[in-house]
Amino acid sequence: MAHVYQVTGELTDSRHVTLDQPLPLTVGKVRVTVEQVPSWPKPDLAAFEVTLRERQRARGHLPRTKEEIDSYLAAERDSWDF
């Protein structure tokens, strides 16, 4: 029985497909079944950040202050061996 490889790719025109991964085949006849993959919309990063901040606020998250971050960085740098 022949091996079956399932790989995604992109239709570059009505006759050519560019595969996302190489196949362990050289030359010869193959059977191709084409199934259109739904395209996902690009993420809206600004909306994601708004949602993230709202969820953090709802659970009572308090981001570190500038002073806390500076103190952490100073302690980290002081621990370095030169």
C-alpha atoms as a PDB file:
ATOM      1  CA  MET A   1       0.000   0.000   0.000  1.00  0.00           C
ATOM      2  CA  ALA A   2       1.262   3.492  -0.854  1.00  0.00           C
ATOM      3  CA  HIS A   3       2.150   6.015   1.818  1.00  0.00           C
ATOM      4  CA  VAL A   4      -0.175   8.964   2.301  1.00  0.00           C
ATOM      5  CA  TYR A   5       1.320  12.337   3.181  1.00  0.00           C
ATOM      6  CA  GLN A   6      -0.854  15.170   4.444  1.00  0.00           C
ATOM      7  CA  VAL A   7       0.771  18.570   3.991  1.00  0.00           C
ATOM      8  CA  THR A   8      -0.665  22.063   3.774  1.00  0.00           C
ATOM      9  CA  GLY A   9       0.332  24.461   1.054  1.00  0.00           C
ATOM     10  CA  GLU A  10      -0.712  27.474  -0.924  1.00  0.00           C
ATOM     11  CA  LEU A  11      -2.332  27.578  -4.329  1.00  0.00           C
ATOM     12  CA  THR A  12      -0.203  30.055  -6.299  1.00  0.00           C
ATOM     13  CA  ASP A  13      -2.416  29.933  -9.394  1.00  0.00           C
ATOM     14  CA  SER A  14      -5.014  27.558 -10.771  1.00  0.00           C
ATOM     15  CA  ARG A  15      -2.353  24.918 -11.609  1.00  0.00           C
ATOM     16  CA  HIS A  16       0.459  25.253  -9.045  1.00  0.00           C
ATOM     17  CA  VAL A  17       0.699  24.448  -5.342  1.00  0.00           C
ATOM     18  CA  THR A  18       3.595  25.439  -3.073  1.00  0.00           C
ATOM     19  CA  LEU A  19       3.846  23.017  -0.157  1.00  0.00           C
ATOM     20  CA  ASP A  20       4.643  24.200   3.375  1.00  0.00           C
ATOM     21  CA  GLN A  21       6.962  21.200   3.926  1.00  0.00           C
ATOM     22  CA  PRO A  22       8.995  19.013   1.584  1.00  0.00           C
ATOM     23  CA  LEU A  23       7.815  15.485   0.865  1.00  0.00           C
ATOM     24  CA  PRO A  24      10.132  12.460   1.025  1.00  0.00           C
ATOM     25  CA  LEU A  25       9.423  11.747  -2.654  1.00  0.00           C
ATOM     26  CA  THR A  26      11.425  12.374  -5.794  1.00  0.00           C
ATOM     27  CA  VAL A  27       9.532  12.223  -9.085  1.00  0.00           C
ATOM     28  CA  GLY A  28       6.509  10.344 -10.301  1.00  0.00           C
ATOM     29  CA  LYS A  29       2.761  10.508 -10.496  1.00  0.00           C
ATOM     30  CA  VAL A  30       0.851  11.497  -7.349  1.00  0.00           C
ATOM     31  CA  ARG A  31      -2.807  11.937  -6.448  1.00  0.00           C
ATOM     32  CA  VAL A  32      -3.736  15.329  -5.033  1.00  0.00           C
ATOM     33  CA  THR A  33      -6.924  16.147  -3.109  1.00  0.00           C
ATOM     34  CA  VAL A  34      -7.481  19.845  -2.500  1.00  0.00           C
ATOM     35  CA  GLU A  35      -9.451  21.094   0.492  1.00  0.00           C
ATOM     36  CA  GLN A  36      -9.662  24.815   1.081  1.00  0.00           C
ATOM     37  CA  VAL A  37      -8.386  25.766   4.545  1.00  0.00           C
ATOM     38  CA  PRO A  38     -10.244  28.650   6.201  1.00  0.00           C
ATOM     39  CA  SER A  39      -8.103  31.735   6.556  1.00  0.00           C
ATOM     40  CA  TRP A  40      -7.933  33.284   9.997  1.00  0.00           C
ATOM     41  CA  PRO A  41      -8.254  37.041  10.355  1.00  0.00           C
ATOM     42  CA  LYS A  42      -5.164  38.900  11.485  1.00  0.00           C
ATOM     43  CA  PRO A  43      -5.256  39.500  15.231  1.00  0.00           C
ATOM     44  CA  ASP A  44      -6.210  42.992  16.309  1.00  0.00           C
ATOM     45  CA  LEU A  45      -3.474  43.637  18.848  1.00  0.00           C
ATOM     46  CA  ALA A  46      -4.995  46.857  20.160  1.00  0.00           C
ATOM     47  CA  ALA A  47      -8.303  45.094  20.900  1.00  0.00           C
ATOM     48  CA  PHE A  48      -6.421  42.194  22.495  1.00  0.00           C
ATOM     49  CA  GLU A  49      -4.556  44.571  24.797  1.00  0.00           C
ATOM     50  CA  VAL A  50      -7.794  46.287  25.841  1.00  0.00           C
ATOM     51  CA  THR A  51      -9.356  42.901  26.630  1.00  0.00           C
ATOM     52  CA  LEU A  52      -6.243  41.808  28.517  1.00  0.00           C
ATOM     53  CA  ARG A  53      -6.194  44.958  30.643  1.00  0.00           C
ATOM     54  CA  GLU A  54      -9.919  44.592  31.416  1.00  0.00           C
ATOM     55  CA  ARG A  55      -9.444  40.982  32.533  1.00  0.00           C
ATOM     56  CA  GLN A  56      -6.452  41.957  34.691  1.00  0.00           C
ATOM     57  CA  ARG A  57      -8.414  44.796  36.284  1.00  0.00           C
ATOM     58  CA  ALA A  58     -11.395  42.479  36.938  1.00  0.00           C
ATOM     59  CA  ARG A  59      -9.227  40.012  38.864  1.00  0.00           C
ATOM     60  CA  GLY A  60      -7.480  42.771  40.824  1.00  0.00           C
ATOM     61  CA  HIS A  61      -4.087  42.586  39.126  1.00  0.00           C
ATOM     62  CA  LEU A  62      -1.786  45.489  39.968  1.00  0.00           C
ATOM     63  CA  PRO A  63       1.189  45.930  37.637  1.00  0.00           C
ATOM     64  CA  ARG A  64       4.575  46.553  39.227  1.00  0.00           C
ATOM     65  CA  THR A  65       5.545  50.163  39.756  1.00  0.00           C
ATOM     66  CA  LYS A  66       8.573  51.754  38.125  1.00  0.00           C
ATOM     67  CA  GLU A  67      10.325  51.724  41.493  1.00  0.00           C
ATOM     68  CA  GLU A  68       9.689  47.975  41.950  1.00  0.00           C
ATOM     69  CA  ILE A  69      11.066  47.235  38.486  1.00  0.00           C
ATOM     70  CA  ASP A  70      14.118  49.448  39.025  1.00  0.00           C
ATOM     71  CA  SER A  71      14.781  47.752  42.372  1.00  0.00           C
ATOM     72  CA  TYR A  72      14.512  44.296  40.778  1.00  0.00           C
ATOM     73  CA  LEU A  73      16.893  45.265  37.944  1.00  0.00           C
ATOM     74  CA  ALA A  74      19.411  46.772  40.368  1.00  0.00           C
ATOM     75  CA  ALA A  75      19.385  43.598  42.500  1.00  0.00           C
ATOM     76  CA  GLU A  76      19.779  41.441  39.399  1.00  0.00           C
ATOM     77  CA  ARG A  77      22.712  43.494  38.119  1.00  0.00           C
ATOM     78  CA  ASP A  78      24.350  43.441  41.550  1.00  0.00           C
ATOM     79  CA  SER A  79      24.283  39.641  41.487  1.00  0.00           C
ATOM     80  CA  TRP A  80      26.335  39.406  38.296  1.00  0.00           C
ATOM     81  CA  ASP A  81      29.923  38.198  38.568  1.00  0.00           C
ATOM     82  CA  PHE A  82      32.449  39.996  36.408  1.00  0.00           C
END
